[in-house]
Amino acid sequence: QVQFVESGGGLVQPGGSLRLSCAASGISFDEAIMTWHRQVPGQAREWVANMFPGGANFYDDSVKGRFTISRNDANGTLYLQMNSLKPEDTAMYYCQEAGSQTWGQGTQVTVSS
């Protein structure tokens, strides 16, 4: 059974940092293109970042230079280091394997003073 379990969200002040984690199971993680997405209530889910097997990564322009995606293939975990957070980064964050029909429960990130 494919499963993605996100954690690490919380309330942080503008300019602060958070590190999100995603534990994946039921997939060949070391061969998977892994992604982070985010969604604000009432809006469409949007792509944030991708990471390919071997390490190539890509970011949406809105987070480039502030967010870093990484992975640990040994334990099937995906990470998102988020620095210099802005109020507009407030959203529910989700990870998944690219193209999967399965979504986790997400982890809430709130950036507010």
Protein backbone atom coordinates (compact mmCIF):
# COMPACT_ATOMS: atom_id res chain seq x y z
CA GLN A 1 0.00 0.00 0.00
CA VAL A 2 1.38 3.36 -1.05
CA GLN A 3 1.55 5.86 1.79
CA PHE A 4 3.06 9.30 2.36
CA VAL A 5 3.20 10.73 5.89
CA GLU A 6 4.21 14.37 6.21
CA SER A 7 5.39 16.03 9.42
CA GLY A 8 7.32 19.03 10.71
CA GLY A 9 4.88 21.85 10.05
CA GLY A 10 3.97 24.52 12.56
CA LEU A 11 3.65 28.21 13.31
CA VAL A 12 6.70 30.34 12.56
CA GLN A 13 7.38 34.06 12.32
CA PRO A 14 8.27 35.69 9.00
CA GLY A 15 11.95 35.11 8.27
CA GLY A 16 11.98 31.87 10.23
CA SER A 17 12.72 28.31 9.18
CA LEU A 18 11.06 24.92 9.24
CA ARG A 19 12.10 21.48 8.05
CA LEU A 20 9.38 19.22 6.70
CA SER A 21 9.74 15.44 6.49
CA CYS A 22 7.84 12.87 4.45
CA ALA A 23 8.01 9.16 5.15
CA ALA A 24 7.17 7.16 2.04
CA SER A 25 6.22 3.48 1.92
CA GLY A 26 4.92 1.06 -0.68
CA ILE A 27 7.07 2.52 -3.47
CA SER A 28 10.57 2.00 -4.80
CA PHE A 29 11.72 5.19 -3.16
CA ASP A 30 15.26 5.18 -4.55
CA GLU A 31 13.84 5.09 -8.09
CA ALA A 32 11.05 7.61 -7.50
CA ILE A 33 10.78 11.21 -8.60
CA MET A 34 9.58 12.82 -5.39
CA THR A 35 7.66 16.06 -5.15
CA TRP A 36 6.41 18.63 -2.66
CA HIS A 37 3.16 20.49 -3.26
CA ARG A 38 1.18 22.98 -1.20
CA GLN A 39 -2.42 24.11 -1.02
CA VAL A 40 -4.25 27.05 0.46
CA PRO A 41 -7.95 26.52 1.25
CA GLY A 42 -10.07 27.50 -1.72
CA GLN A 43 -7.16 27.38 -4.13
CA ALA A 44 -5.67 24.69 -6.36
CA ARG A 45 -2.82 22.57 -5.09
CA GLU A 46 0.47 23.92 -6.49
CA TRP A 47 3.80 22.31 -7.15
CA VAL A 48 6.73 23.47 -5.01
CA ALA A 49 9.74 21.26 -5.82
CA ASN A 50 10.91 18.00 -7.41
CA MET A 51 13.82 15.74 -6.69
CA PHE A 52 14.98 13.05 -9.11
CA PRO A 53 16.88 9.88 -8.27
CA GLY A 54 20.53 10.85 -8.30
CA GLY A 55 19.88 14.31 -6.90
CA ALA A 56 18.72 16.70 -9.63
CA ASN A 57 16.15 19.10 -8.21
CA PHE A 58 13.85 21.84 -9.44
CA TYR A 59 11.90 24.56 -7.68
CA ASP A 60 9.02 26.88 -8.34
CA ASP A 61 10.28 30.43 -8.76
CA SER A 62 8.39 31.52 -5.64
CA VAL A 63 10.60 29.35 -3.39
CA LYS A 64 13.87 29.21 -5.34
CA GLY A 65 16.81 30.20 -3.17
CA ARG A 66 14.82 29.79 0.06
CA PHE A 67 13.69 26.14 0.03
CA THR A 68 15.89 23.05 -0.35
CA ILE A 69 14.56 19.59 -1.19
CA SER A 70 16.56 16.53 -0.17
CA ARG A 71 16.08 12.80 0.27
CA ASN A 72 17.41 9.85 2.24
CA ASP A 73 17.01 6.78 0.05
CA ALA A 74 18.19 4.50 2.86
CA ASN A 75 15.09 5.19 4.94
CA GLY A 76 12.66 6.39 2.29
CA THR A 77 12.33 9.93 3.59
CA LEU A 78 11.94 13.19 1.68
CA TYR A 79 12.72 16.57 3.26
CA LEU A 80 11.98 20.21 2.57
CA GLN A 81 14.15 22.78 4.36
CA MET A 82 12.31 26.09 4.29
CA ASN A 83 14.23 29.27 5.15
CA SER A 84 13.32 32.96 5.02
CA LEU A 85 9.66 32.04 5.29
CA LYS A 86 7.04 34.54 4.17
CA PRO A 87 3.34 34.83 5.06
CA GLU A 88 2.51 33.76 1.51
CA ASP A 89 4.18 30.40 2.21
CA THR A 90 1.30 29.60 4.58
CA ALA A 91 -0.35 26.42 3.27
CA MET A 92 -0.85 22.71 3.80
CA TYR A 93 2.23 20.93 2.43
CA TYR A 94 2.08 17.50 0.80
CA CYS A 95 4.64 15.11 -0.65
CA GLN A 96 4.14 12.33 -3.16
CA GLU A 97 5.78 10.33 -5.88
CA ALA A 98 5.33 12.17 -9.16
CA GLY A 99 2.24 10.89 -10.94
CA SER A 100 0.86 8.99 -7.94
CA GLN A 101 -2.87 9.02 -7.21
CA THR A 102 -2.13 8.88 -3.48
CA TRP A 103 -1.82 11.91 -1.21
CA GLY A 104 -0.90 12.03 2.46
CA GLN A 105 -2.71 14.04 5.12
CA GLY A 106 -0.30 16.95 4.72
CA THR A 107 1.39 19.14 7.32
CA GLN A 108 0.26 22.70 8.02
CA VAL A 109 2.75 25.55 7.75
CA THR A 110 1.63 28.93 9.08
CA VAL A 111 3.88 31.98 8.76
CA SER A 112 2.62 34.83 10.88
CA SER A 113 3.79 37.38 13.39
